[in-house]
Amino acid sequence: MAVQMQEPLMEARDVNKWLGRNHILRGVDMTVEPGEIVCVLGPSGSGKSTLLRCINGLEAIESGTINVDGDRVGFKTHKGQLYEHTEQEAALMRRRIGTVFQHFNLFNHMTALQNVTYGPRKVLGLPKAEAIKQGLDALDKVGLSLKRDSYPAQLSGGQQQRVAIARALAMKPQLMLFDEPTSALDPELVGDVLAVMKRVAEEGMTMIIVTHEIGFAREVADRVVFMDEGRIVESGPAAQVLDHPSNDRTANFLRHVK
C-alpha cells in the first residue's frame, strides 16, 4: 500500500517582494509541515518580518506563490482564471493564520476578555456565550484568566503580549506567526511570554517564529531558517544550524548573538 505524502501547511515558492527600489525578498523558497515549528533568524533588514506579512496576506508579493493549506494567498481561481482576492476574501483567508506582532495592538478601551473575544464574535460570528467560553479558555492557556476584566493600561508589557497571543489562539488558527514577540519587552518579562509560546508549541500548533532568542530557538524549533539580504541562506534542524552552521554568514551572525 502506497504511503500518502502529507502536503505542507505553508509553501512559499520563488517569492519576490519589492518596496520601491528595494528588493526585500529575493526568490524565497520555504515549506512548513503541519505541526512543525520553524524559527527564522537573521540580521535586521534581512526580510524576516516582511516574509511573515506576505504569508498572512498583509503585504502583496510581486512574483512567486504562497499557499496555506493548499489555498493561494491573495488569489483565487475561478473557471480557470486567476483573480486577486477582494478585501472580504483576504480577511476570510487570514482567519486561518494567527499573527502576534512585536507591539501588542490591543484595543485600549476593551478589557482583556473583550480583546480576545472581539475576533470570534465579529469575524467568526460566534454567539456571545460561545465566544466568551473560547476567550476564557485562551486566557487560561496564557495564564491570565484572573486578568479577564483588566484593561491594557493595567497590564504589564508581558501580560499584554500574552493577551495578544490569547487573542490569536481564540480564532482557532491553523498556523501561528510570531514576529519577534519579545523584542519590545523588558528583559524580566520575556520569560513568561516564551513559556506561553512553548506551551502552544507543545500542543501541536504549527508555528513560524521570527526571533532573536537563540536559546528559545534551540529549545523549541524543529528547524531553523537563517535569512540575509532577502534570501534564505541556510535551513536545517535547529541543532545543526545553531551548533554547526554550514554558511559563513550564519556562523558570523551566531557568534555575535550568542
C-alpha atoms as a PDB file:
ATOM      1  CA  MET A   1       0.000   0.000   0.000  1.00  0.00           C
ATOM      2  CA  ALA A   2       1.439   3.343  -1.038  1.00  0.00           C
ATOM      3  CA  VAL A   3       2.203   5.855   1.707  1.00  0.00           C
ATOM      4  CA  GLN A   4       0.357   9.132   1.131  1.00  0.00           C
ATOM      5  CA  MET A   5       2.651  12.124   1.461  1.00  0.00           C
ATOM      6  CA  GLN A   6       1.383  14.931   3.674  1.00  0.00           C
ATOM      7  CA  GLU A   7       1.080  18.306   1.986  1.00  0.00           C
ATOM      8  CA  PRO A   8       2.939  21.254   3.564  1.00  0.00           C
ATOM      9  CA  LEU A   9       0.690  23.557   5.569  1.00  0.00           C
ATOM     10  CA  MET A  10       2.580  26.563   4.228  1.00  0.00           C
ATOM     11  CA  GLU A  11       4.535  26.636   0.989  1.00  0.00           C
ATOM     12  CA  ALA A  12       6.356  29.639  -0.484  1.00  0.00           C
ATOM     13  CA  ARG A  13       7.876  29.300  -3.934  1.00  0.00           C
ATOM     14  CA  ASP A  14      10.237  31.822  -5.585  1.00  0.00           C
ATOM     15  CA  VAL A  15       8.700  34.711  -3.626  1.00  0.00           C
ATOM     16  CA  ASN A  16       9.881  38.176  -4.600  1.00  0.00           C
ATOM     17  CA  LYS A  17       8.872  41.384  -2.870  1.00  0.00           C
ATOM     18  CA  TRP A  18       9.923  44.940  -3.690  1.00  0.00           C
ATOM     19  CA  LEU A  19       9.451  48.119  -1.668  1.00  0.00           C
ATOM     20  CA  GLY A  20      10.219  50.918  -4.091  1.00  0.00           C
ATOM     21  CA  ARG A  21      13.678  50.121  -5.442  1.00  0.00           C
ATOM     22  CA  ASN A  22      14.499  47.822  -2.541  1.00  0.00           C
ATOM     23  CA  HIS A  23      14.347  44.109  -3.360  1.00  0.00           C
ATOM     24  CA  ILE A  24      13.181  42.883   0.075  1.00  0.00           C
ATOM     25  CA  LEU A  25      12.542  39.185  -0.668  1.00  0.00           C
ATOM     26  CA  ARG A  26      14.668  37.548  -3.344  1.00  0.00           C
ATOM     27  CA  GLY A  27      13.367  34.224  -4.598  1.00  0.00           C
ATOM     28  CA  VAL A  28      12.397  32.815  -1.194  1.00  0.00           C
ATOM     29  CA  ASP A  29      11.512  29.101  -1.108  1.00  0.00           C
ATOM     30  CA  MET A  30      10.177  27.710   2.162  1.00  0.00           C
ATOM     31  CA  THR A  31       7.822  24.962   3.325  1.00  0.00           C
ATOM     32  CA  VAL A  32       6.370  24.295   6.770  1.00  0.00           C
ATOM     33  CA  GLU A  33       4.794  20.956   7.609  1.00  0.00           C
ATOM     34  CA  PRO A  34       1.703  20.580   9.826  1.00  0.00           C
ATOM     35  CA  GLY A  35       2.781  20.709  13.467  1.00  0.00           C
ATOM     36  CA  GLU A  36       6.271  21.942  12.608  1.00  0.00           C
ATOM     37  CA  ILE A  37       7.924  24.808  14.499  1.00  0.00           C
ATOM     38  CA  VAL A  38      10.264  26.906  12.391  1.00  0.00           C
ATOM     39  CA  CYS A  39      12.348  29.724  13.878  1.00  0.00           C
ATOM     40  CA  VAL A  40      13.575  32.376  11.446  1.00  0.00           C
ATOM     41  CA  LEU A  41      16.784  34.168  12.353  1.00  0.00           C
ATOM     42  CA  GLY A  42      18.727  36.911  10.629  1.00  0.00           C
ATOM     43  CA  PRO A  43      20.009  40.459  10.932  1.00  0.00           C
ATOM     44  CA  SER A  44      17.757  43.493  10.875  1.00  0.00           C
ATOM     45  CA  GLY A  45      16.574  44.237   7.354  1.00  0.00           C
ATOM     46  CA  SER A  46      17.000  40.683   6.089  1.00  0.00           C
ATOM     47  CA  GLY A  47      13.310  40.349   5.177  1.00  0.00           C
ATOM     48  CA  LYS A  48      12.086  38.203   8.081  1.00  0.00           C
ATOM     49  CA  SER A  49       9.118  40.347   9.123  1.00  0.00           C
ATOM     50  CA  THR A  50       8.193  41.081   5.512  1.00  0.00           C
ATOM     51  CA  LEU A  51       8.050  37.345   4.830  1.00  0.00           C
ATOM     52  CA  LEU A  52       5.534  36.890   7.663  1.00  0.00           C
ATOM     53  CA  ARG A  53       3.419  39.782   6.379  1.00  0.00           C
ATOM     54  CA  CYS A  54       3.375  38.190   2.934  1.00  0.00           C
ATOM     55  CA  ILE A  55       2.357  34.809   4.356  1.00  0.00           C
ATOM     56  CA  ASN A  56      -0.674  36.301   6.117  1.00  0.00           C
ATOM     57  CA  GLY A  57      -1.562  38.478   3.141  1.00  0.00           C
ATOM     58  CA  LEU A  58      -0.862  41.850   4.735  1.00  0.00           C
ATOM     59  CA  GLU A  59       1.734  42.509   2.020  1.00  0.00           C
ATOM     60  CA  ALA A  60       1.332  41.577  -1.634  1.00  0.00           C
ATOM     61  CA  ILE A  61       4.171  39.863  -3.468  1.00  0.00           C
ATOM     62  CA  GLU A  62       5.412  40.811  -6.937  1.00  0.00           C
ATOM     63  CA  SER A  63       6.090  37.248  -8.092  1.00  0.00           C
ATOM     64  CA  GLY A  64       6.061  33.692  -6.850  1.00  0.00           C
ATOM     65  CA  THR A  65       3.359  31.922  -4.854  1.00  0.00           C
ATOM     66  CA  ILE A  66       2.428  31.394  -1.213  1.00  0.00           C
ATOM     67  CA  ASN A  67      -0.070  28.684  -0.295  1.00  0.00           C
ATOM     68  CA  VAL A  68      -1.599  27.981   3.113  1.00  0.00           C
ATOM     69  CA  ASP A  69      -3.353  24.626   3.456  1.00  0.00           C
ATOM     70  CA  GLY A  70      -3.436  24.312  -0.330  1.00  0.00           C
ATOM     71  CA  ASP A  71      -5.026  27.717  -0.998  1.00  0.00           C
ATOM     72  CA  ARG A  72      -3.068  30.505  -2.619  1.00  0.00           C
ATOM     73  CA  VAL A  73      -2.633  33.629  -0.502  1.00  0.00           C
ATOM     74  CA  GLY A  74      -4.014  36.727  -2.210  1.00  0.00           C
ATOM     75  CA  PHE A  75      -5.624  34.995  -5.177  1.00  0.00           C
ATOM     76  CA  LYS A  76      -8.428  32.663  -6.175  1.00  0.00           C
ATOM     77  CA  THR A  77      -9.052  30.611  -9.289  1.00  0.00           C
ATOM     78  CA  HIS A  78     -12.457  30.791 -10.971  1.00  0.00           C
ATOM     79  CA  LYS A  79     -13.213  28.944 -14.227  1.00  0.00           C
ATOM     80  CA  GLY A  80      -9.521  28.601 -14.919  1.00  0.00           C
ATOM     81  CA  GLN A  81      -8.796  32.311 -14.414  1.00  0.00           C
ATOM     82  CA  LEU A  82      -6.735  33.821 -11.605  1.00  0.00           C
ATOM     83  CA  TYR A  83      -8.269  36.736  -9.683  1.00  0.00           C
ATOM     84  CA  GLU A  84      -6.989  38.817  -6.805  1.00  0.00           C
ATOM     85  CA  HIS A  85      -8.851  38.386  -3.533  1.00  0.00           C
ATOM     86  CA  THR A  86     -11.312  41.052  -2.527  1.00  0.00           C
ATOM     87  CA  GLU A  87     -10.791  42.556   0.936  1.00  0.00           C
ATOM     88  CA  GLN A  88     -13.501  40.252   2.287  1.00  0.00           C
ATOM     89  CA  GLU A  89     -11.904  37.171   0.717  1.00  0.00           C
ATOM     90  CA  ALA A  90      -8.497  38.191   2.051  1.00  0.00           C
ATOM     91  CA  ALA A  91      -9.963  38.554   5.551  1.00  0.00           C
ATOM     92  CA  LEU A  92     -11.527  35.093   5.319  1.00  0.00           C
ATOM     93  CA  MET A  93      -8.173  33.639   4.306  1.00  0.00           C
ATOM     94  CA  ARG A  94      -6.444  35.461   7.153  1.00  0.00           C
ATOM     95  CA  ARG A  95      -8.754  33.788   9.680  1.00  0.00           C
ATOM     96  CA  ARG A  96      -6.659  30.651   9.344  1.00  0.00           C
ATOM     97  CA  ILE A  97      -3.498  32.457  10.366  1.00  0.00           C
ATOM     98  CA  GLY A  98      -2.900  33.889  13.833  1.00  0.00           C
ATOM     99  CA  THR A  99      -0.301  36.659  13.990  1.00  0.00           C
ATOM    100  CA  VAL A 100       1.431  38.083  17.042  1.00  0.00           C
ATOM    101  CA  PHE A 101       3.417  41.254  16.372  1.00  0.00           C
ATOM    102  CA  GLN A 102       6.216  42.989  18.271  1.00  0.00           C
ATOM    103  CA  HIS A 103       3.728  45.539  19.568  1.00  0.00           C
ATOM    104  CA  PHE A 104       0.552  44.225  21.098  1.00  0.00           C
ATOM    105  CA  ASN A 105      -2.057  46.264  19.155  1.00  0.00           C
ATOM    106  CA  LEU A 106      -4.720  45.706  21.804  1.00  0.00           C
ATOM    107  CA  PHE A 107      -7.845  47.855  21.963  1.00  0.00           C
ATOM    108  CA  ASN A 108      -7.167  50.130  24.941  1.00  0.00           C
ATOM    109  CA  HIS A 109     -10.877  50.680  25.658  1.00  0.00           C
ATOM    110  CA  MET A 110     -11.553  46.939  25.952  1.00  0.00           C
ATOM    111  CA  THR A 111     -10.782  44.526  28.761  1.00  0.00           C
ATOM    112  CA  ALA A 112      -8.510  41.554  28.178  1.00  0.00           C
ATOM    113  CA  LEU A 113     -11.522  39.289  27.640  1.00  0.00           C
ATOM    114  CA  GLN A 114     -13.199  41.752  25.283  1.00  0.00           C
ATOM    115  CA  ASN A 115      -9.994  41.986  23.235  1.00  0.00           C
ATOM    116  CA  VAL A 116      -9.807  38.208  22.970  1.00  0.00           C
ATOM    117  CA  THR A 117     -13.496  37.699  22.106  1.00  0.00           C
ATOM    118  CA  TYR A 118     -13.730  40.524  19.544  1.00  0.00           C
ATOM    119  CA  GLY A 119     -12.448  38.424  16.625  1.00  0.00           C
ATOM    120  CA  PRO A 120     -14.507  35.287  17.325  1.00  0.00           C
ATOM    121  CA  ARG A 121     -17.667  37.418  17.598  1.00  0.00           C
ATOM    122  CA  LYS A 122     -17.116  39.870  14.732  1.00  0.00           C
ATOM    123  CA  VAL A 123     -15.180  37.705  12.278  1.00  0.00           C
ATOM    124  CA  LEU A 124     -16.256  34.155  13.080  1.00  0.00           C
ATOM    125  CA  GLY A 125     -19.790  35.148  14.078  1.00  0.00           C
ATOM    126  CA  LEU A 126     -19.800  33.132  17.301  1.00  0.00           C
ATOM    127  CA  PRO A 127     -22.636  33.736  19.768  1.00  0.00           C
ATOM    128  CA  LYS A 128     -21.560  35.828  22.751  1.00  0.00           C
ATOM    129  CA  ALA A 129     -21.634  32.923  25.240  1.00  0.00           C
ATOM    130  CA  GLU A 130     -19.549  30.679  22.993  1.00  0.00           C
ATOM    131  CA  ALA A 131     -17.063  33.458  22.263  1.00  0.00           C
ATOM    132  CA  ILE A 132     -16.669  34.139  25.991  1.00  0.00           C
ATOM    133  CA  LYS A 133     -16.059  30.455  26.719  1.00  0.00           C
ATOM    134  CA  GLN A 134     -13.474  30.316  23.926  1.00  0.00           C
ATOM    135  CA  GLY A 135     -11.910  33.540  25.148  1.00  0.00           C
ATOM    136  CA  LEU A 136     -11.638  32.346  28.737  1.00  0.00           C
ATOM    137  CA  ASP A 137     -10.031  29.116  27.546  1.00  0.00           C
ATOM    138  CA  ALA A 138      -7.481  31.137  25.569  1.00  0.00           C
ATOM    139  CA  LEU A 139      -6.724  33.431  28.528  1.00  0.00           C
ATOM    140  CA  ASP A 140      -6.308  30.385  30.746  1.00  0.00           C
ATOM    141  CA  LYS A 141      -3.770  28.944  28.270  1.00  0.00           C
ATOM    142  CA  VAL A 142      -1.627  32.057  28.641  1.00  0.00           C
ATOM    143  CA  GLY A 143      -2.044  32.178  32.412  1.00  0.00           C
ATOM    144  CA  LEU A 144      -4.214  35.302  32.543  1.00  0.00           C
ATOM    145  CA  SER A 145      -7.704  34.106  33.411  1.00  0.00           C
ATOM    146  CA  LEU A 146      -7.610  36.268  36.557  1.00  0.00           C
ATOM    147  CA  LYS A 147      -6.923  39.358  34.413  1.00  0.00           C
ATOM    148  CA  ARG A 148     -10.028  38.950  32.239  1.00  0.00           C
ATOM    149  CA  ASP A 149     -11.527  42.273  33.384  1.00  0.00           C
ATOM    150  CA  SER A 150      -8.275  44.268  33.278  1.00  0.00           C
ATOM    151  CA  TYR A 151      -7.658  46.915  30.643  1.00  0.00           C
ATOM    152  CA  PRO A 152      -4.334  47.008  28.723  1.00  0.00           C
ATOM    153  CA  ALA A 153      -3.138  50.021  30.731  1.00  0.00           C
ATOM    154  CA  GLN A 154      -3.479  47.896  33.881  1.00  0.00           C
ATOM    155  CA  LEU A 155      -1.267  45.121  32.486  1.00  0.00           C
ATOM    156  CA  SER A 156       2.490  44.827  32.123  1.00  0.00           C
ATOM    157  CA  GLY A 157       4.003  44.619  28.663  1.00  0.00           C
ATOM    158  CA  GLY A 158       4.483  40.888  29.054  1.00  0.00           C
ATOM    159  CA  GLN A 159       0.869  40.418  30.112  1.00  0.00           C
ATOM    160  CA  GLN A 160      -0.325  42.495  27.157  1.00  0.00           C
ATOM    161  CA  GLN A 161       1.679  40.305  24.795  1.00  0.00           C
ATOM    162  CA  ARG A 162       0.180  37.199  26.382  1.00  0.00           C
ATOM    163  CA  VAL A 163      -3.309  38.667  25.809  1.00  0.00           C
ATOM    164  CA  ALA A 164      -2.289  39.216  22.173  1.00  0.00           C
ATOM    165  CA  ILE A 165      -1.320  35.525  21.950  1.00  0.00           C
ATOM    166  CA  ALA A 166      -4.653  34.540  23.537  1.00  0.00           C
ATOM    167  CA  ARG A 167      -6.465  36.744  21.009  1.00  0.00           C
ATOM    168  CA  ALA A 168      -4.768  34.911  18.144  1.00  0.00           C
ATOM    169  CA  LEU A 169      -5.442  31.483  19.673  1.00  0.00           C
ATOM    170  CA  ALA A 170      -9.122  32.265  20.182  1.00  0.00           C
ATOM    171  CA  MET A 171      -9.543  32.385  16.402  1.00  0.00           C
ATOM    172  CA  LYS A 172      -8.546  28.687  16.238  1.00  0.00           C
ATOM    173  CA  PRO A 173      -5.909  29.249  13.531  1.00  0.00           C
ATOM    174  CA  GLN A 174      -4.138  26.533  11.565  1.00  0.00           C
ATOM    175  CA  LEU A 175      -0.882  28.473  11.564  1.00  0.00           C
ATOM    176  CA  MET A 176       0.611  30.907  14.082  1.00  0.00           C
ATOM    177  CA  LEU A 177       3.103  33.602  13.064  1.00  0.00           C
ATOM    178  CA  PHE A 178       5.197  35.374  15.704  1.00  0.00           C
ATOM    179  CA  ASP A 179       7.146  38.488  14.676  1.00  0.00           C
ATOM    180  CA  GLU A 180       9.825  38.994  17.351  1.00  0.00           C
ATOM    181  CA  PRO A 181       7.162  38.901  20.089  1.00  0.00           C
ATOM    182  CA  THR A 182       9.617  39.627  22.907  1.00  0.00           C
ATOM    183  CA  SER A 183      11.677  42.409  21.323  1.00  0.00           C
ATOM    184  CA  ALA A 184       9.565  45.237  22.810  1.00  0.00           C
ATOM    185  CA  LEU A 185       9.590  43.764  26.324  1.00  0.00           C
ATOM    186  CA  ASP A 186      11.767  44.490  29.331  1.00  0.00           C
ATOM    187  CA  PRO A 187      14.177  41.562  29.865  1.00  0.00           C
ATOM    188  CA  GLU A 188      12.462  40.370  33.057  1.00  0.00           C
ATOM    189  CA  LEU A 189       9.156  39.969  31.192  1.00  0.00           C
ATOM    190  CA  VAL A 190      10.500  37.903  28.301  1.00  0.00           C
ATOM    191  CA  GLY A 191      10.477  34.562  30.125  1.00  0.00           C
ATOM    192  CA  ASP A 192       6.719  34.484  30.732  1.00  0.00           C
ATOM    193  CA  VAL A 193       5.944  35.110  27.063  1.00  0.00           C
ATOM    194  CA  LEU A 194       8.420  32.478  25.886  1.00  0.00           C
ATOM    195  CA  ALA A 195       6.927  29.984  28.358  1.00  0.00           C
ATOM    196  CA  VAL A 196       3.473  30.560  26.857  1.00  0.00           C
ATOM    197  CA  MET A 197       4.836  30.067  23.349  1.00  0.00           C
ATOM    198  CA  LYS A 198       6.444  26.790  24.449  1.00  0.00           C
ATOM    199  CA  ARG A 199       3.097  25.547  25.763  1.00  0.00           C
ATOM    200  CA  VAL A 200       1.405  26.460  22.489  1.00  0.00           C
ATOM    201  CA  ALA A 201       4.128  24.603  20.601  1.00  0.00           C
ATOM    202  CA  GLU A 202       3.728  21.523  22.802  1.00  0.00           C
ATOM    203  CA  GLU A 203       0.040  21.384  21.890  1.00  0.00           C
ATOM    204  CA  GLY A 204       0.974  20.798  18.247  1.00  0.00           C
ATOM    205  CA  MET A 205       0.345  24.225  16.749  1.00  0.00           C
ATOM    206  CA  THR A 206       2.211  24.919  13.505  1.00  0.00           C
ATOM    207  CA  MET A 207       4.380  27.977  14.139  1.00  0.00           C
ATOM    208  CA  ILE A 208       6.738  30.281  12.263  1.00  0.00           C
ATOM    209  CA  ILE A 209       8.646  32.411  14.744  1.00  0.00           C
ATOM    210  CA  VAL A 210      10.886  35.331  13.845  1.00  0.00           C
ATOM    211  CA  THR A 211      13.075  35.701  16.911  1.00  0.00           C
ATOM    212  CA  HIS A 212      16.441  36.817  18.213  1.00  0.00           C
ATOM    213  CA  GLU A 213      16.155  34.472  21.220  1.00  0.00           C
ATOM    214  CA  ILE A 214      18.707  31.814  20.244  1.00  0.00           C
ATOM    215  CA  GLY A 215      18.197  29.733  23.397  1.00  0.00           C
ATOM    216  CA  PHE A 216      14.462  29.635  22.764  1.00  0.00           C
ATOM    217  CA  ALA A 217      15.006  28.606  19.138  1.00  0.00           C
ATOM    218  CA  ARG A 218      17.317  25.826  20.278  1.00  0.00           C
ATOM    219  CA  GLU A 219      14.715  24.549  22.736  1.00  0.00           C
ATOM    220  CA  VAL A 220      11.513  24.627  20.668  1.00  0.00           C
ATOM    221  CA  ALA A 221      12.374  24.717  16.953  1.00  0.00           C
ATOM    222  CA  ASP A 222      12.200  21.670  14.729  1.00  0.00           C
ATOM    223  CA  ARG A 223      14.005  23.695  12.105  1.00  0.00           C
ATOM    224  CA  VAL A 224      15.916  26.965  11.950  1.00  0.00           C
ATOM    225  CA  VAL A 225      15.957  29.185   8.867  1.00  0.00           C
ATOM    226  CA  PHE A 226      18.602  31.892   8.512  1.00  0.00           C
ATOM    227  CA  MET A 227      17.850  34.865   6.243  1.00  0.00           C
ATOM    228  CA  ASP A 228      20.208  37.506   4.941  1.00  0.00           C
ATOM    229  CA  GLU A 229      19.583  40.250   2.368  1.00  0.00           C
ATOM    230  CA  GLY A 230      16.178  38.864   1.421  1.00  0.00           C
ATOM    231  CA  ARG A 231      17.328  35.297   0.863  1.00  0.00           C
ATOM    232  CA  ILE A 232      17.229  32.081   2.850  1.00  0.00           C
ATOM    233  CA  VAL A 233      20.908  31.197   3.027  1.00  0.00           C
ATOM    234  CA  GLU A 234      20.619  28.221   5.387  1.00  0.00           C
ATOM    235  CA  SER A 235      17.877  25.928   6.671  1.00  0.00           C
ATOM    236  CA  GLY A 236      18.059  22.755   8.695  1.00  0.00           C
ATOM    237  CA  PRO A 237      17.454  21.043  12.042  1.00  0.00           C
ATOM    238  CA  ALA A 238      17.849  23.522  14.903  1.00  0.00           C
ATOM    239  CA  ALA A 239      20.883  21.856  16.499  1.00  0.00           C
ATOM    240  CA  GLN A 240      22.655  21.550  13.159  1.00  0.00           C
ATOM    241  CA  VAL A 241      22.183  25.188  12.119  1.00  0.00           C
ATOM    242  CA  LEU A 242      22.845  26.651  15.575  1.00  0.00           C
ATOM    243  CA  ASP A 243      25.839  24.497  16.521  1.00  0.00           C
ATOM    244  CA  HIS A 244      27.354  23.608  13.149  1.00  0.00           C
ATOM    245  CA  PRO A 245      26.234  26.177  10.570  1.00  0.00           C
ATOM    246  CA  SER A 246      27.390  25.428   7.040  1.00  0.00           C
ATOM    247  CA  ASN A 247      27.185  29.021   5.808  1.00  0.00           C
ATOM    248  CA  ASP A 248      29.808  31.570   6.835  1.00  0.00           C
ATOM    249  CA  ARG A 249      27.195  34.333   7.115  1.00  0.00           C
ATOM    250  CA  THR A 250      25.123  32.214   9.528  1.00  0.00           C
ATOM    251  CA  ALA A 251      28.193  31.396  11.602  1.00  0.00           C
ATOM    252  CA  ASN A 252      29.240  35.045  11.831  1.00  0.00           C
ATOM    253  CA  PHE A 253      25.719  36.105  12.880  1.00  0.00           C
ATOM    254  CA  LEU A 254      25.508  33.446  15.597  1.00  0.00           C
ATOM    255  CA  ARG A 255      28.920  34.422  17.002  1.00  0.00           C
ATOM    256  CA  HIS A 256      27.567  37.907  17.612  1.00  0.00           C
ATOM    257  CA  VAL A 257      24.209  36.997  19.138  1.00  0.00           C
ATOM    258  CA  LYS A 258      25.014  34.018  21.373  1.00  0.00           C
END
